[in-house]
C-alpha cells in the first residue's frame, strides 16, 4: 500500500493530519491552519492554508473536494472542485473556499474545511490528433441530453 508523506509546517503544529472520519470514507478531512479567524462574506472567497506539504507517490494525485456538511449547512464549498494536487507539487496545500450562503462564514483554526481524496491517475495516456473518432449511441449529446 503506497503512503503519502506529510510535512507539517510550523503554523499547523497541534492540528491533526488528514484523516478519514468513518471506516469506509474515501476522503480524508483536512483542517484549517489559520492563525486568526477568517471571515468569508456572502459571495466572498478565501485561500485557507492547511500547513501541510504532501509527497504523493508517482502515479497518484490528491483531489481537494468540498465537505457536504459545510455546503448544506452554510453554503460553503471548494471553488475549484475538485482541485488537484499533483505528485510533483511540493508547496503547501491550500483550499479555496467560497461562501455561496446568505450569511458570513467564519473559518477558525482546526475547522475541517475540505476533504482530500487520493486517486490513481492514468499516466500512460497520450492525446493524439485524428481526423476521425468512433461513433456511439450517445454521440455528441451533452448537457441535459437524457432529458432529466
C-alpha atoms as a PDB file:
ATOM      1  CA  UNK A   1       0.000   0.000   0.000  1.00  0.00           C
ATOM      2  CA  UNK A   2       1.506   3.343  -1.025  1.00  0.00           C
ATOM      3  CA  UNK A   3       1.881   6.090   1.558  1.00  0.00           C
ATOM      4  CA  UNK A   4       1.616   9.852   1.281  1.00  0.00           C
ATOM      5  CA  UNK A   5       4.351  11.543   3.288  1.00  0.00           C
ATOM      6  CA  UNK A   6       3.239  14.700   5.100  1.00  0.00           C
ATOM      7  CA  UNK A   7       5.491  17.551   6.181  1.00  0.00           C
ATOM      8  CA  UNK A   8       3.880  19.714   8.851  1.00  0.00           C
ATOM      9  CA  UNK A   9       4.719  23.420   8.670  1.00  0.00           C
ATOM     10  CA  UNK A  10       5.026  25.431  11.906  1.00  0.00           C
ATOM     11  CA  UNK A  11       1.576  27.020  11.577  1.00  0.00           C
ATOM     12  CA  UNK A  12      -0.030  23.535  11.530  1.00  0.00           C
ATOM     13  CA  UNK A  13       1.505  22.499  14.841  1.00  0.00           C
ATOM     14  CA  UNK A  14      -1.064  20.744  17.015  1.00  0.00           C
ATOM     15  CA  UNK A  15      -3.543  20.137  14.185  1.00  0.00           C
ATOM     16  CA  UNK A  16      -4.443  16.619  13.015  1.00  0.00           C
ATOM     17  CA  UNK A  17      -3.101  15.130   9.816  1.00  0.00           C
ATOM     18  CA  UNK A  18      -5.732  14.450   7.144  1.00  0.00           C
ATOM     19  CA  UNK A  19      -7.932  11.635   8.416  1.00  0.00           C
ATOM     20  CA  UNK A  20     -10.929   9.563   7.427  1.00  0.00           C
ATOM     21  CA  UNK A  21     -13.874  10.283   9.681  1.00  0.00           C
ATOM     22  CA  UNK A  22     -15.535   6.901   9.085  1.00  0.00           C
ATOM     23  CA  UNK A  23     -14.305   3.419   8.236  1.00  0.00           C
ATOM     24  CA  UNK A  24     -15.219   3.449   4.547  1.00  0.00           C
ATOM     25  CA  UNK A  25     -14.797   7.161   3.797  1.00  0.00           C
ATOM     26  CA  UNK A  26     -12.904   7.856   0.586  1.00  0.00           C
ATOM     27  CA  UNK A  27     -11.974  11.379   1.662  1.00  0.00           C
ATOM     28  CA  UNK A  28      -9.710  12.487   4.490  1.00  0.00           C
ATOM     29  CA  UNK A  29     -10.772  15.688   6.245  1.00  0.00           C
ATOM     30  CA  UNK A  30      -8.159  18.434   6.364  1.00  0.00           C
ATOM     31  CA  UNK A  31      -8.038  21.251   8.926  1.00  0.00           C
ATOM     32  CA  UNK A  32      -7.552  24.986   8.574  1.00  0.00           C
ATOM     33  CA  UNK A  33      -4.139  26.124   9.810  1.00  0.00           C
ATOM     34  CA  UNK A  34      -5.173  29.742  10.212  1.00  0.00           C
ATOM     35  CA  UNK A  35      -3.525  31.872  12.863  1.00  0.00           C
ATOM     36  CA  UNK A  36      -6.634  34.050  13.317  1.00  0.00           C
ATOM     37  CA  UNK A  37     -10.253  33.688  12.271  1.00  0.00           C
ATOM     38  CA  UNK A  38     -11.013  34.381   8.614  1.00  0.00           C
ATOM     39  CA  UNK A  39     -14.476  35.750   7.828  1.00  0.00           C
ATOM     40  CA  UNK A  40     -15.798  34.986   4.347  1.00  0.00           C
ATOM     41  CA  UNK A  41     -18.713  37.269   3.451  1.00  0.00           C
ATOM     42  CA  UNK A  42     -21.578  36.104   1.219  1.00  0.00           C
ATOM     43  CA  UNK A  43     -20.271  35.704  -2.362  1.00  0.00           C
ATOM     44  CA  UNK A  44     -16.713  36.017  -0.985  1.00  0.00           C
ATOM     45  CA  UNK A  45     -13.822  33.592  -1.154  1.00  0.00           C
ATOM     46  CA  UNK A  46     -10.647  32.956   0.811  1.00  0.00           C
ATOM     47  CA  UNK A  47      -7.479  30.912   0.436  1.00  0.00           C
ATOM     48  CA  UNK A  48      -7.226  28.740   3.548  1.00  0.00           C
ATOM     49  CA  UNK A  49      -3.824  27.278   4.485  1.00  0.00           C
ATOM     50  CA  UNK A  50      -3.543  23.724   5.799  1.00  0.00           C
ATOM     51  CA  UNK A  51       0.091  23.948   6.901  1.00  0.00           C
ATOM     52  CA  UNK A  52       0.817  20.658   5.133  1.00  0.00           C
ATOM     53  CA  UNK A  53       3.106  19.677   2.278  1.00  0.00           C
ATOM     54  CA  UNK A  54       2.381  16.296   0.683  1.00  0.00           C
ATOM     55  CA  UNK A  55       4.735  13.900  -1.057  1.00  0.00           C
ATOM     56  CA  UNK A  56       2.342  11.964  -3.254  1.00  0.00           C
ATOM     57  CA  UNK A  57       3.619   8.769  -4.909  1.00  0.00           C
ATOM     58  CA  UNK A  58       4.145   8.864  -8.672  1.00  0.00           C
ATOM     59  CA  UNK A  59       1.014   7.598 -10.430  1.00  0.00           C
ATOM     60  CA  UNK A  60      -1.323   9.248  -7.898  1.00  0.00           C
ATOM     61  CA  UNK A  61      -2.913  12.626  -7.281  1.00  0.00           C
ATOM     62  CA  UNK A  62      -4.860  14.020  -4.352  1.00  0.00           C
ATOM     63  CA  UNK A  63      -8.183  15.673  -5.141  1.00  0.00           C
ATOM     64  CA  UNK A  64      -9.417  18.526  -2.943  1.00  0.00           C
ATOM     65  CA  UNK A  65     -13.185  18.273  -2.540  1.00  0.00           C
ATOM     66  CA  UNK A  66     -15.861  20.090  -0.541  1.00  0.00           C
ATOM     67  CA  UNK A  67     -17.297  18.807   2.708  1.00  0.00           C
ATOM     68  CA  UNK A  68     -21.006  18.157   2.305  1.00  0.00           C
ATOM     69  CA  UNK A  69     -21.834  19.403   5.804  1.00  0.00           C
ATOM     70  CA  UNK A  70     -20.347  22.843   5.119  1.00  0.00           C
ATOM     71  CA  UNK A  71     -22.195  23.009   1.818  1.00  0.00           C
ATOM     72  CA  UNK A  72     -25.646  22.093   3.108  1.00  0.00           C
ATOM     73  CA  UNK A  73     -25.476  23.939   6.436  1.00  0.00           C
ATOM     74  CA  UNK A  74     -23.604  27.083   5.371  1.00  0.00           C
ATOM     75  CA  UNK A  75     -23.444  27.215   1.584  1.00  0.00           C
ATOM     76  CA  UNK A  76     -19.639  26.977   1.763  1.00  0.00           C
ATOM     77  CA  UNK A  77     -17.819  24.909  -0.839  1.00  0.00           C
ATOM     78  CA  UNK A  78     -14.456  24.496  -2.566  1.00  0.00           C
ATOM     79  CA  UNK A  79     -14.278  26.882  -5.511  1.00  0.00           C
ATOM     80  CA  UNK A  80     -12.198  24.874  -7.993  1.00  0.00           C
ATOM     81  CA  UNK A  81     -13.615  21.487  -7.211  1.00  0.00           C
ATOM     82  CA  UNK A  82     -12.118  19.084  -7.449  1.00  0.00           C
ATOM     83  CA  UNK A  83      -8.787  20.747  -7.047  1.00  0.00           C
ATOM     84  CA  UNK A  84      -5.803  18.613  -7.998  1.00  0.00           C
ATOM     85  CA  UNK A  85      -2.552  18.201  -6.108  1.00  0.00           C
ATOM     86  CA  UNK A  86      -0.047  16.627  -8.489  1.00  0.00           C
ATOM     87  CA  UNK A  87       2.593  14.128  -7.401  1.00  0.00           C
ATOM     88  CA  UNK A  88       5.418  16.562  -8.166  1.00  0.00           C
ATOM     89  CA  UNK A  89       3.972  19.521  -6.207  1.00  0.00           C
ATOM     90  CA  UNK A  90       5.867  20.310  -3.004  1.00  0.00           C
ATOM     91  CA  UNK A  91       4.195  23.502  -1.826  1.00  0.00           C
ATOM     92  CA  UNK A  92       1.708  23.994   0.976  1.00  0.00           C
ATOM     93  CA  UNK A  93      -1.771  22.609   0.340  1.00  0.00           C
ATOM     94  CA  UNK A  94      -4.291  25.448   0.438  1.00  0.00           C
ATOM     95  CA  UNK A  95      -8.043  25.331  -0.062  1.00  0.00           C
ATOM     96  CA  UNK A  96     -10.073  27.970  -1.925  1.00  0.00           C
ATOM     97  CA  UNK A  97     -13.351  28.285  -0.031  1.00  0.00           C
ATOM     98  CA  UNK A  98     -16.288  30.237  -1.445  1.00  0.00           C
ATOM     99  CA  UNK A  99     -19.315  31.306   0.555  1.00  0.00           C
ATOM    100  CA  UNK A 100     -22.474  30.861  -1.505  1.00  0.00           C
ATOM    101  CA  UNK A 101     -24.635  31.296   1.580  1.00  0.00           C
ATOM    102  CA  UNK A 102     -26.610  34.322   2.758  1.00  0.00           C
ATOM    103  CA  UNK A 103     -24.580  34.854   5.969  1.00  0.00           C
ATOM    104  CA  UNK A 104     -20.879  35.468   6.604  1.00  0.00           C
ATOM    105  CA  UNK A 105     -18.941  32.306   7.416  1.00  0.00           C
ATOM    106  CA  UNK A 106     -16.037  32.229   9.879  1.00  0.00           C
ATOM    107  CA  UNK A 107     -13.147  29.802   9.449  1.00  0.00           C
ATOM    108  CA  UNK A 108     -11.451  29.042  12.773  1.00  0.00           C
ATOM    109  CA  UNK A 109      -8.192  27.267  13.471  1.00  0.00           C
ATOM    110  CA  UNK A 110      -8.703  23.499  13.269  1.00  0.00           C
ATOM    111  CA  UNK A 111     -12.010  23.662  11.377  1.00  0.00           C
ATOM    112  CA  UNK A 112     -12.342  20.829   8.871  1.00  0.00           C
ATOM    113  CA  UNK A 113     -12.571  22.786   5.619  1.00  0.00           C
ATOM    114  CA  UNK A 114     -12.251  20.184   2.844  1.00  0.00           C
ATOM    115  CA  UNK A 115     -11.542  16.559   2.167  1.00  0.00           C
ATOM    116  CA  UNK A 116      -8.550  15.107   0.379  1.00  0.00           C
ATOM    117  CA  UNK A 117      -9.188  12.093  -1.859  1.00  0.00           C
ATOM    118  CA  UNK A 118      -6.144  10.155  -3.101  1.00  0.00           C
ATOM    119  CA  UNK A 119      -6.664   8.742  -6.600  1.00  0.00           C
ATOM    120  CA  UNK A 120      -4.653   6.808  -9.152  1.00  0.00           C
ATOM    121  CA  UNK A 121      -4.013   8.579 -12.441  1.00  0.00           C
ATOM    122  CA  UNK A 122      -3.612   7.129 -15.909  1.00  0.00           C
ATOM    123  CA  UNK A 123      -0.140   8.415 -16.716  1.00  0.00           C
ATOM    124  CA  UNK A 124       0.304   6.178 -19.758  1.00  0.00           C
ATOM    125  CA  UNK A 125      -2.333   8.022 -21.831  1.00  0.00           C
ATOM    126  CA  UNK A 126      -1.381  10.340 -24.693  1.00  0.00           C
ATOM    127  CA  UNK A 127      -3.540  12.729 -26.696  1.00  0.00           C
ATOM    128  CA  UNK A 128      -3.152  12.048 -30.430  1.00  0.00           C
ATOM    129  CA  UNK A 129      -4.739  14.041 -33.201  1.00  0.00           C
ATOM    130  CA  UNK A 130      -7.079  12.160 -35.524  1.00  0.00           C
ATOM    131  CA  UNK A 131      -9.246  13.094 -38.485  1.00  0.00           C
ATOM    132  CA  UNK A 132     -11.996  10.783 -37.245  1.00  0.00           C
ATOM    133  CA  UNK A 133     -13.322   9.278 -33.995  1.00  0.00           C
ATOM    134  CA  UNK A 134     -15.662   6.331 -33.494  1.00  0.00           C
ATOM    135  CA  UNK A 135     -19.414   6.782 -33.163  1.00  0.00           C
ATOM    136  CA  UNK A 136     -21.511   5.859 -30.114  1.00  0.00           C
ATOM    137  CA  UNK A 137     -25.199   5.754 -29.261  1.00  0.00           C
ATOM    138  CA  UNK A 138     -24.814   8.946 -27.277  1.00  0.00           C
ATOM    139  CA  UNK A 139     -22.931  10.787 -29.968  1.00  0.00           C
ATOM    140  CA  UNK A 140     -22.493  14.493 -29.230  1.00  0.00           C
ATOM    141  CA  UNK A 141     -25.307  14.563 -26.664  1.00  0.00           C
ATOM    142  CA  UNK A 142     -24.033  16.759 -23.837  1.00  0.00           C
ATOM    143  CA  UNK A 143     -25.582  18.777 -21.031  1.00  0.00           C
ATOM    144  CA  UNK A 144     -29.107  17.536 -20.333  1.00  0.00           C
ATOM    145  CA  UNK A 145     -29.082  15.087 -23.232  1.00  0.00           C
ATOM    146  CA  UNK A 146     -31.067  12.469 -21.283  1.00  0.00           C
ATOM    147  CA  UNK A 147     -33.963  14.872 -20.745  1.00  0.00           C
ATOM    148  CA  UNK A 148     -33.578  14.907 -16.956  1.00  0.00           C
END
